[in-house]
Amino acid sequence: MNLYSKLLEYNELKIPVMMVTVVSKSGEGPVDVGKKMLVAKNGDAFGTVGGGALEYEAREYCKELLHQGKSTMIKYILKEGKVVNDATTLPMICGGVVELFFEYIGAKGYVVIFGGGHCGKALVKVLKTMDYHVTIIDDRIDVYNQIEGADRKVNMNYADFIDAEGIEDNSYVIISTPSHKYDFNVIHKVFELKLKPKYMGMLCSREKLKDFMAKTYEEFGEDIDLSNFYSPIGLNTGGGSPEEIAISIAAEMLVVEYNKPGHNHLRNV
């Protein structure tokens, strides 16, 4: 019960965790079916799946899965030197076989929206139907006060937010500020600090994109990696209202999330 209390605590703090459960066991081994271990993204761990090399391996694998936001099942052979197909051999002498279920519990993904205007507000509503964790930043107090539904909202200069907190690896970054200058500052701050979002999309016209690209190449060189940069943002659905644009952006994010190629308007600049 203490383990589930911890799970609720981390859920309230919006900290992702892995719940590791022993789902099967044959032969000898230092663990029983049903035992659980909780590993949080901040490094904390509670409970046990047997100790020793098995538990060490499970904790290390949790770090990778927390980074990916994925669940999976792994079979372990508790006998050094023994090789079995589709199983991981551990430096142990017990000789048994254990299966662990690694369950990711947390947000579907982390989204940072720079700009709380009409499109930013509409996008929050769409993304929260899919369990994304959404942070939205706007430096206009009147706009900030009207933002609803986000997990977190910040009244702060856009680029200053990145200096203060950075951007989490593999997150989704949406740039829709009220000024092309602010858009430029945000994206160039990401490049300058060599941050690694999974997706970075900018709301703009094709003409503004040409100007942006020229300035970007001038400052960072033409070999800059733009493989995660999408602009004009969103799949080409044809809709132009804030709500329709929000749906097109969310759709493009999902295409990137699930690595689905061949969609109109999905491209790297």
C-alpha atoms as a PDB file:
ATOM      1  CA  MET A   1       0.000   0.000   0.000  1.00  0.00           C
ATOM      2  CA  ASN A   2       2.941   2.331   0.671  1.00  0.00           C
ATOM      3  CA  LEU A   3       4.020   1.778  -2.927  1.00  0.00           C
ATOM      4  CA  TYR A   4       0.635   2.937  -4.239  1.00  0.00           C
ATOM      5  CA  SER A   5       0.709   5.921  -1.903  1.00  0.00           C
ATOM      6  CA  LYS A   6       4.029   6.875  -3.482  1.00  0.00           C
ATOM      7  CA  LEU A   7       2.516   6.396  -6.927  1.00  0.00           C
ATOM      8  CA  LEU A   8      -0.277   8.834  -6.083  1.00  0.00           C
ATOM      9  CA  GLU A   9       2.244  11.272  -4.661  1.00  0.00           C
ATOM     10  CA  TYR A  10       4.309  11.284  -7.849  1.00  0.00           C
ATOM     11  CA  ASN A  11       1.175  11.576  -9.942  1.00  0.00           C
ATOM     12  CA  GLU A  12       0.235  14.735  -8.035  1.00  0.00           C
ATOM     13  CA  LEU A  13       3.743  16.114  -8.631  1.00  0.00           C
ATOM     14  CA  LYS A  14       3.529  15.250 -12.369  1.00  0.00           C
ATOM     15  CA  ILE A  15       6.670  13.080 -12.076  1.00  0.00           C
ATOM     16  CA  PRO A  16       6.657  10.023 -14.400  1.00  0.00           C
ATOM     17  CA  VAL A  17       7.369   6.622 -12.875  1.00  0.00           C
ATOM     18  CA  MET A  18       7.902   3.016 -13.909  1.00  0.00           C
ATOM     19  CA  MET A  19       6.012   0.303 -12.039  1.00  0.00           C
ATOM     20  CA  VAL A  20       7.973  -2.948 -12.366  1.00  0.00           C
ATOM     21  CA  THR A  21       6.029  -6.140 -11.597  1.00  0.00           C
ATOM     22  CA  VAL A  22       7.209  -9.759 -11.447  1.00  0.00           C
ATOM     23  CA  VAL A  23       4.654 -11.495 -13.693  1.00  0.00           C
ATOM     24  CA  SER A  24       6.164 -14.989 -13.935  1.00  0.00           C
ATOM     25  CA  LYS A  25       8.908 -17.138 -12.463  1.00  0.00           C
ATOM     26  CA  SER A  26      10.214 -20.650 -13.066  1.00  0.00           C
ATOM     27  CA  GLY A  27      13.080 -22.339 -11.262  1.00  0.00           C
ATOM     28  CA  GLU A  28      15.128 -20.766  -8.523  1.00  0.00           C
ATOM     29  CA  GLY A  29      15.352 -17.023  -7.944  1.00  0.00           C
ATOM     30  CA  PRO A  30      15.252 -14.391  -5.189  1.00  0.00           C
ATOM     31  CA  VAL A  31      11.784 -13.070  -5.990  1.00  0.00           C
ATOM     32  CA  ASP A  32       8.120 -14.053  -6.003  1.00  0.00           C
ATOM     33  CA  VAL A  33       5.422 -13.373  -8.585  1.00  0.00           C
ATOM     34  CA  GLY A  34       3.546 -10.171  -7.820  1.00  0.00           C
ATOM     35  CA  LYS A  35       6.442  -8.315  -6.220  1.00  0.00           C
ATOM     36  CA  LYS A  36       6.675  -4.697  -7.363  1.00  0.00           C
ATOM     37  CA  MET A  37       9.170  -1.873  -7.563  1.00  0.00           C
ATOM     38  CA  LEU A  38       8.487   1.787  -8.298  1.00  0.00           C
ATOM     39  CA  VAL A  39      11.202   3.856 -10.008  1.00  0.00           C
ATOM     40  CA  ALA A  40      10.650   7.597 -10.430  1.00  0.00           C
ATOM     41  CA  LYS A  41      12.220   9.830 -13.055  1.00  0.00           C
ATOM     42  CA  ASN A  42      14.007  11.775 -10.327  1.00  0.00           C
ATOM     43  CA  GLY A  43      15.909   8.586  -9.408  1.00  0.00           C
ATOM     44  CA  ASP A  44      13.929   7.516  -6.338  1.00  0.00           C
ATOM     45  CA  ALA A  45      13.055   3.808  -6.028  1.00  0.00           C
ATOM     46  CA  PHE A  46      10.700   1.923  -3.703  1.00  0.00           C
ATOM     47  CA  GLY A  47       9.830  -1.755  -3.294  1.00  0.00           C
ATOM     48  CA  THR A  48      11.808  -4.663  -4.697  1.00  0.00           C
ATOM     49  CA  VAL A  49      11.874  -7.246  -7.473  1.00  0.00           C
ATOM     50  CA  GLY A  50      14.465  -9.436  -5.783  1.00  0.00           C
ATOM     51  CA  GLY A  51      17.635  -7.471  -5.254  1.00  0.00           C
ATOM     52  CA  GLY A  52      21.044  -8.215  -6.705  1.00  0.00           C
ATOM     53  CA  ALA A  53      21.791  -8.107 -10.428  1.00  0.00           C
ATOM     54  CA  LEU A  54      18.125  -8.514 -11.362  1.00  0.00           C
ATOM     55  CA  GLU A  55      17.041  -5.417  -9.478  1.00  0.00           C
ATOM     56  CA  TYR A  56      20.050  -3.405 -10.628  1.00  0.00           C
ATOM     57  CA  GLU A  57      19.343  -4.277 -14.269  1.00  0.00           C
ATOM     58  CA  ALA A  58      15.643  -3.428 -13.819  1.00  0.00           C
ATOM     59  CA  ARG A  59      16.420  -0.023 -12.301  1.00  0.00           C
ATOM     60  CA  GLU A  60      18.866   0.833 -15.080  1.00  0.00           C
ATOM     61  CA  TYR A  61      16.360  -0.196 -17.753  1.00  0.00           C
ATOM     62  CA  CYS A  62      13.712   1.957 -16.073  1.00  0.00           C
ATOM     63  CA  LYS A  63      15.871   5.027 -16.766  1.00  0.00           C
ATOM     64  CA  GLU A  64      15.794   4.265 -20.486  1.00  0.00           C
ATOM     65  CA  LEU A  65      12.056   3.553 -20.550  1.00  0.00           C
ATOM     66  CA  LEU A  66      11.269   6.722 -18.576  1.00  0.00           C
ATOM     67  CA  HIS A  67      13.210   8.680 -21.169  1.00  0.00           C
ATOM     68  CA  GLN A  68      11.171   7.019 -23.936  1.00  0.00           C
ATOM     69  CA  GLY A  69       7.829   7.004 -22.109  1.00  0.00           C
ATOM     70  CA  LYS A  70       7.245   3.319 -22.959  1.00  0.00           C
ATOM     71  CA  SER A  71       6.057   0.090 -21.336  1.00  0.00           C
ATOM     72  CA  THR A  72       7.417  -3.378 -22.134  1.00  0.00           C
ATOM     73  CA  MET A  73       7.958  -6.961 -20.898  1.00  0.00           C
ATOM     74  CA  ILE A  74      11.443  -8.453 -20.416  1.00  0.00           C
ATOM     75  CA  LYS A  75      12.481 -12.050 -19.678  1.00  0.00           C
ATOM     76  CA  TYR A  76      15.624 -12.574 -17.578  1.00  0.00           C
ATOM     77  CA  ILE A  77      17.762 -15.719 -17.234  1.00  0.00           C
ATOM     78  CA  LEU A  78      19.286 -15.833 -13.753  1.00  0.00           C
ATOM     79  CA  LYS A  79      22.290 -17.906 -14.787  1.00  0.00           C
ATOM     80  CA  GLU A  80      25.576 -16.449 -15.978  1.00  0.00           C
ATOM     81  CA  GLY A  81      26.692 -17.915 -19.306  1.00  0.00           C
ATOM     82  CA  LYS A  82      23.290 -19.406 -20.200  1.00  0.00           C
ATOM     83  CA  VAL A  83      21.790 -18.118 -23.457  1.00  0.00           C
ATOM     84  CA  VAL A  84      18.084 -18.318 -24.343  1.00  0.00           C
ATOM     85  CA  ASN A  85      16.354 -16.679 -27.299  1.00  0.00           C
ATOM     86  CA  ASP A  86      14.474 -13.437 -26.504  1.00  0.00           C
ATOM     87  CA  ALA A  87      15.886 -13.276 -22.983  1.00  0.00           C
ATOM     88  CA  THR A  88      18.527 -11.257 -21.128  1.00  0.00           C
ATOM     89  CA  THR A  89      21.154 -13.234 -19.229  1.00  0.00           C
ATOM     90  CA  LEU A  90      22.249 -11.873 -15.846  1.00  0.00           C
ATOM     91  CA  PRO A  91      25.432 -12.632 -13.843  1.00  0.00           C
ATOM     92  CA  MET A  92      23.650 -14.750 -11.233  1.00  0.00           C
ATOM     93  CA  ILE A  93      23.809 -18.396 -10.134  1.00  0.00           C
ATOM     94  CA  CYS A  94      20.160 -19.088  -9.243  1.00  0.00           C
ATOM     95  CA  GLY A  95      19.320 -20.615 -12.625  1.00  0.00           C
ATOM     96  CA  GLY A  96      15.677 -19.560 -12.798  1.00  0.00           C
ATOM     97  CA  VAL A  97      13.740 -17.498 -15.355  1.00  0.00           C
ATOM     98  CA  VAL A  98      11.853 -14.338 -14.400  1.00  0.00           C
ATOM     99  CA  GLU A  99       9.618 -12.061 -16.463  1.00  0.00           C
ATOM    100  CA  LEU A 100       9.199  -8.420 -15.482  1.00  0.00           C
ATOM    101  CA  PHE A 101       6.525  -6.054 -16.758  1.00  0.00           C
ATOM    102  CA  PHE A 102       7.767  -2.468 -16.972  1.00  0.00           C
ATOM    103  CA  GLU A 103       4.761  -0.125 -16.917  1.00  0.00           C
ATOM    104  CA  TYR A 104       5.237   3.542 -17.745  1.00  0.00           C
ATOM    105  CA  ILE A 105       2.902   5.748 -15.703  1.00  0.00           C
ATOM    106  CA  GLY A 106       2.982   9.393 -16.643  1.00  0.00           C
ATOM    107  CA  ALA A 107       2.033  11.907 -19.274  1.00  0.00           C
ATOM    108  CA  LYS A 108       1.865  10.873 -22.929  1.00  0.00           C
ATOM    109  CA  GLY A 109       4.425  13.579 -23.625  1.00  0.00           C
ATOM    110  CA  TYR A 110       5.569  16.992 -22.479  1.00  0.00           C
ATOM    111  CA  VAL A 111       4.526  20.018 -24.500  1.00  0.00           C
ATOM    112  CA  VAL A 112       5.718  23.603 -24.139  1.00  0.00           C
ATOM    113  CA  ILE A 113       3.662  26.219 -25.966  1.00  0.00           C
ATOM    114  CA  PHE A 114       5.224  29.648 -26.404  1.00  0.00           C
ATOM    115  CA  GLY A 115       2.315  32.032 -26.870  1.00  0.00           C
ATOM    116  CA  GLY A 116      -1.146  31.895 -25.337  1.00  0.00           C
ATOM    117  CA  GLY A 117      -3.091  33.535 -28.156  1.00  0.00           C
ATOM    118  CA  HIS A 118      -6.109  32.016 -29.909  1.00  0.00           C
ATOM    119  CA  CYS A 119      -4.196  29.066 -31.411  1.00  0.00           C
ATOM    120  CA  GLY A 120      -2.251  28.389 -28.215  1.00  0.00           C
ATOM    121  CA  LYS A 121      -5.412  28.296 -26.128  1.00  0.00           C
ATOM    122  CA  ALA A 122      -7.164  26.033 -28.640  1.00  0.00           C
ATOM    123  CA  LEU A 123      -4.181  23.670 -28.728  1.00  0.00           C
ATOM    124  CA  VAL A 124      -4.239  23.282 -24.936  1.00  0.00           C
ATOM    125  CA  LYS A 125      -7.836  22.023 -25.138  1.00  0.00           C
ATOM    126  CA  VAL A 126      -6.986  19.498 -27.861  1.00  0.00           C
ATOM    127  CA  LEU A 127      -3.832  18.156 -26.196  1.00  0.00           C
ATOM    128  CA  LYS A 128      -5.434  17.702 -22.794  1.00  0.00           C
ATOM    129  CA  THR A 129      -7.865  15.174 -24.312  1.00  0.00           C
ATOM    130  CA  MET A 130      -4.795  12.963 -24.965  1.00  0.00           C
ATOM    131  CA  ASP A 131      -3.070  13.215 -21.567  1.00  0.00           C
ATOM    132  CA  TYR A 132      -0.189  15.428 -22.634  1.00  0.00           C
ATOM    133  CA  HIS A 133       1.419  17.521 -19.932  1.00  0.00           C
ATOM    134  CA  VAL A 134       1.137  21.094 -21.222  1.00  0.00           C
ATOM    135  CA  THR A 135       3.071  24.168 -20.140  1.00  0.00           C
ATOM    136  CA  ILE A 136       2.153  27.467 -21.813  1.00  0.00           C
ATOM    137  CA  ILE A 137       4.197  30.664 -21.590  1.00  0.00           C
ATOM    138  CA  ASP A 138       3.040  34.203 -22.349  1.00  0.00           C
ATOM    139  CA  ASP A 139       4.516  37.540 -21.278  1.00  0.00           C
ATOM    140  CA  ARG A 140       1.222  39.453 -21.709  1.00  0.00           C
ATOM    141  CA  ILE A 141      -0.566  39.490 -18.375  1.00  0.00           C
ATOM    142  CA  ASP A 142      -4.011  39.970 -19.927  1.00  0.00           C
ATOM    143  CA  VAL A 143      -3.497  36.947 -22.201  1.00  0.00           C
ATOM    144  CA  TYR A 144      -1.923  34.910 -19.381  1.00  0.00           C
ATOM    145  CA  ASN A 145      -4.971  35.492 -17.183  1.00  0.00           C
ATOM    146  CA  GLN A 146      -7.278  34.056 -19.867  1.00  0.00           C
ATOM    147  CA  ILE A 147      -5.377  30.767 -20.323  1.00  0.00           C
ATOM    148  CA  GLU A 148      -7.325  27.752 -19.047  1.00  0.00           C
ATOM    149  CA  GLY A 149      -6.751  24.009 -18.867  1.00  0.00           C
ATOM    150  CA  ALA A 150      -2.944  23.882 -18.998  1.00  0.00           C
ATOM    151  CA  ASP A 151      -1.041  21.876 -16.397  1.00  0.00           C
ATOM    152  CA  ARG A 152       1.132  24.913 -15.910  1.00  0.00           C
ATOM    153  CA  LYS A 153       1.072  28.481 -17.170  1.00  0.00           C
ATOM    154  CA  VAL A 154       3.944  30.951 -16.878  1.00  0.00           C
ATOM    155  CA  ASN A 155       3.904  34.740 -17.179  1.00  0.00           C
ATOM    156  CA  MET A 156       7.443  35.339 -18.418  1.00  0.00           C
ATOM    157  CA  ASN A 157       9.527  36.442 -21.378  1.00  0.00           C
ATOM    158  CA  TYR A 158       9.655  33.544 -23.856  1.00  0.00           C
ATOM    159  CA  ALA A 159      13.418  33.146 -24.330  1.00  0.00           C
ATOM    160  CA  ASP A 160      14.042  33.878 -20.636  1.00  0.00           C
ATOM    161  CA  PHE A 161      11.934  30.834 -19.772  1.00  0.00           C
ATOM    162  CA  ILE A 162      14.345  28.626 -21.733  1.00  0.00           C
ATOM    163  CA  ASP A 163      17.332  30.193 -19.979  1.00  0.00           C
ATOM    164  CA  ALA A 164      15.671  29.562 -16.616  1.00  0.00           C
ATOM    165  CA  GLU A 165      14.316  26.029 -17.148  1.00  0.00           C
ATOM    166  CA  GLY A 166      15.538  24.654 -20.465  1.00  0.00           C
ATOM    167  CA  ILE A 167      13.483  22.220 -22.551  1.00  0.00           C
ATOM    168  CA  GLU A 168      13.130  18.555 -21.647  1.00  0.00           C
ATOM    169  CA  ASP A 169      14.642  16.093 -24.130  1.00  0.00           C
ATOM    170  CA  ASN A 170      12.060  14.527 -26.480  1.00  0.00           C
ATOM    171  CA  SER A 171       9.444  17.123 -25.604  1.00  0.00           C
ATOM    172  CA  TYR A 172       7.209  18.974 -28.073  1.00  0.00           C
ATOM    173  CA  VAL A 173       7.775  22.685 -28.570  1.00  0.00           C
ATOM    174  CA  ILE A 174       5.151  24.914 -30.182  1.00  0.00           C
ATOM    175  CA  ILE A 175       6.160  28.464 -31.128  1.00  0.00           C
ATOM    176  CA  SER A 176       3.184  30.785 -31.629  1.00  0.00           C
ATOM    177  CA  THR A 177       4.239  34.038 -29.977  1.00  0.00           C
ATOM    178  CA  PRO A 178       2.710  37.405 -30.952  1.00  0.00           C
ATOM    179  CA  SER A 179       5.895  38.525 -32.724  1.00  0.00           C
ATOM    180  CA  HIS A 180       8.192  37.013 -35.333  1.00  0.00           C
ATOM    181  CA  LYS A 181      11.084  38.468 -33.301  1.00  0.00           C
ATOM    182  CA  TYR A 182      10.040  36.434 -30.259  1.00  0.00           C
ATOM    183  CA  ASP A 183       9.650  33.292 -32.397  1.00  0.00           C
ATOM    184  CA  PHE A 184      13.179  33.851 -33.669  1.00  0.00           C
ATOM    185  CA  ASN A 185      14.533  34.330 -30.127  1.00  0.00           C
ATOM    186  CA  VAL A 186      12.894  31.144 -28.821  1.00  0.00           C
ATOM    187  CA  ILE A 187      14.073  28.858 -31.605  1.00  0.00           C
ATOM    188  CA  HIS A 188      17.561  30.316 -31.681  1.00  0.00           C
ATOM    189  CA  LYS A 189      17.795  29.840 -27.916  1.00  0.00           C
ATOM    190  CA  VAL A 190      17.023  26.137 -28.454  1.00  0.00           C
ATOM    191  CA  PHE A 191      19.780  25.962 -31.078  1.00  0.00           C
ATOM    192  CA  GLU A 192      22.216  27.957 -28.958  1.00  0.00           C
ATOM    193  CA  LEU A 193      21.790  25.701 -25.920  1.00  0.00           C
ATOM    194  CA  LYS A 194      21.758  22.556 -28.102  1.00  0.00           C
ATOM    195  CA  LEU A 195      18.488  21.366 -26.609  1.00  0.00           C
ATOM    196  CA  LYS A 196      16.847  18.243 -28.011  1.00  0.00           C
ATOM    197  CA  PRO A 197      13.059  18.414 -28.358  1.00  0.00           C
ATOM    198  CA  LYS A 198      11.450  15.652 -30.384  1.00  0.00           C
ATOM    199  CA  TYR A 199       9.357  18.169 -32.311  1.00  0.00           C
ATOM    200  CA  MET A 200       9.612  21.920 -32.726  1.00  0.00           C
ATOM    201  CA  GLY A 201       6.959  23.661 -34.806  1.00  0.00           C
ATOM    202  CA  MET A 202       6.581  27.338 -35.681  1.00  0.00           C
ATOM    203  CA  LEU A 203       3.304  29.018 -36.618  1.00  0.00           C
ATOM    204  CA  CYS A 204       4.109  31.374 -39.507  1.00  0.00           C
ATOM    205  CA  SER A 205       3.597  32.185 -43.185  1.00  0.00           C
ATOM    206  CA  ARG A 206       5.920  30.896 -45.892  1.00  0.00           C
ATOM    207  CA  GLU A 207       7.316  34.405 -46.360  1.00  0.00           C
ATOM    208  CA  LYS A 208       8.183  34.705 -42.684  1.00  0.00           C
ATOM    209  CA  LEU A 209       9.718  31.239 -42.834  1.00  0.00           C
ATOM    210  CA  LYS A 210      12.078  32.356 -45.633  1.00  0.00           C
ATOM    211  CA  ASP A 211      13.229  35.288 -43.498  1.00  0.00           C
ATOM    212  CA  PHE A 212      13.636  33.044 -40.473  1.00  0.00           C
ATOM    213  CA  MET A 213      15.704  30.490 -42.415  1.00  0.00           C
ATOM    214  CA  ALA A 214      17.986  33.181 -43.834  1.00  0.00           C
ATOM    215  CA  LYS A 215      18.723  34.556 -40.344  1.00  0.00           C
ATOM    216  CA  THR A 216      19.168  31.065 -38.917  1.00  0.00           C
ATOM    217  CA  TYR A 217      21.682  30.033 -41.570  1.00  0.00           C
ATOM    218  CA  GLU A 218      23.521  33.323 -41.107  1.00  0.00           C
ATOM    219  CA  GLU A 219      23.869  32.810 -37.366  1.00  0.00           C
ATOM    220  CA  PHE A 220      24.347  29.027 -37.097  1.00  0.00           C
ATOM    221  CA  GLY A 221      25.580  27.989 -40.552  1.00  0.00           C
ATOM    222  CA  GLU A 222      23.825  26.010 -43.272  1.00  0.00           C
ATOM    223  CA  ASP A 223      24.730  22.638 -41.762  1.00  0.00           C
ATOM    224  CA  ILE A 224      22.535  23.212 -38.713  1.00  0.00           C
ATOM    225  CA  ASP A 225      20.369  20.202 -37.811  1.00  0.00           C
ATOM    226  CA  LEU A 226      16.720  21.028 -38.575  1.00  0.00           C
ATOM    227  CA  SER A 227      15.469  17.440 -38.607  1.00  0.00           C
ATOM    228  CA  ASN A 228      13.017  18.099 -35.761  1.00  0.00           C
ATOM    229  CA  PHE A 229      11.835  21.516 -37.032  1.00  0.00           C
ATOM    230  CA  TYR A 230       8.448  21.831 -38.770  1.00  0.00           C
ATOM    231  CA  SER A 231       7.148  25.050 -40.307  1.00  0.00           C
ATOM    232  CA  PRO A 232       4.637  26.239 -41.312  1.00  0.00           C
ATOM    233  CA  ILE A 233       3.348  24.126 -38.456  1.00  0.00           C
ATOM    234  CA  GLY A 234       0.637  21.450 -38.730  1.00  0.00           C
ATOM    235  CA  LEU A 235      -0.653  18.996 -41.325  1.00  0.00           C
ATOM    236  CA  ASN A 236      -2.241  20.657 -44.320  1.00  0.00           C
ATOM    237  CA  THR A 237      -5.895  20.040 -43.462  1.00  0.00           C
ATOM    238  CA  GLY A 238      -7.074  23.248 -45.151  1.00  0.00           C
ATOM    239  CA  GLY A 239      -8.717  24.691 -42.037  1.00  0.00           C
ATOM    240  CA  GLY A 240      -7.820  28.152 -40.845  1.00  0.00           C
ATOM    241  CA  SER A 241      -9.687  28.722 -37.574  1.00  0.00           C
ATOM    242  CA  PRO A 242      -7.725  28.479 -34.281  1.00  0.00           C
ATOM    243  CA  GLU A 243      -9.498  25.214 -33.481  1.00  0.00           C
ATOM    244  CA  GLU A 244      -8.736  23.723 -36.901  1.00  0.00           C
ATOM    245  CA  ILE A 245      -5.104  24.839 -36.702  1.00  0.00           C
ATOM    246  CA  ALA A 246      -4.851  23.276 -33.235  1.00  0.00           C
ATOM    247  CA  ILE A 247      -6.116  19.957 -34.599  1.00  0.00           C
ATOM    248  CA  SER A 248      -3.639  20.106 -37.492  1.00  0.00           C
ATOM    249  CA  ILE A 249      -0.762  20.721 -35.056  1.00  0.00           C
ATOM    250  CA  ALA A 250      -1.844  17.880 -32.771  1.00  0.00           C
ATOM    251  CA  ALA A 251      -2.144  15.588 -35.790  1.00  0.00           C
ATOM    252  CA  GLU A 252       1.396  16.450 -36.904  1.00  0.00           C
ATOM    253  CA  MET A 253       2.689  15.779 -33.407  1.00  0.00           C
ATOM    254  CA  LEU A 254       1.046  12.341 -33.456  1.00  0.00           C
ATOM    255  CA  VAL A 255       2.568  11.556 -36.848  1.00  0.00           C
ATOM    256  CA  VAL A 256       5.986  12.354 -35.373  1.00  0.00           C
ATOM    257  CA  GLU A 257       5.217  10.439 -32.162  1.00  0.00           C
ATOM    258  CA  TYR A 258       4.281   7.278 -34.044  1.00  0.00           C
ATOM    259  CA  ASN A 259       6.807   7.761 -36.884  1.00  0.00           C
ATOM    260  CA  LYS A 260       4.225   7.666 -39.680  1.00  0.00           C
ATOM    261  CA  PRO A 261       5.660   8.867 -43.019  1.00  0.00           C
ATOM    262  CA  GLY A 262       4.042  10.167 -46.192  1.00  0.00           C
ATOM    263  CA  HIS A 263       1.575  12.717 -44.859  1.00  0.00           C
ATOM    264  CA  ASN A 264       0.976  15.915 -46.799  1.00  0.00           C
ATOM    265  CA  HIS A 265       2.710  18.912 -45.200  1.00  0.00           C
ATOM    266  CA  LEU A 266       4.809  16.749 -42.837  1.00  0.00           C
ATOM    267  CA  ARG A 267       8.334  17.655 -43.740  1.00  0.00           C
ATOM    268  CA  ASN A 268      11.681  18.780 -42.442  1.00  0.00           C
ATOM    269  CA  VAL A 269      12.811  22.238 -43.512  1.00  0.00           C
END
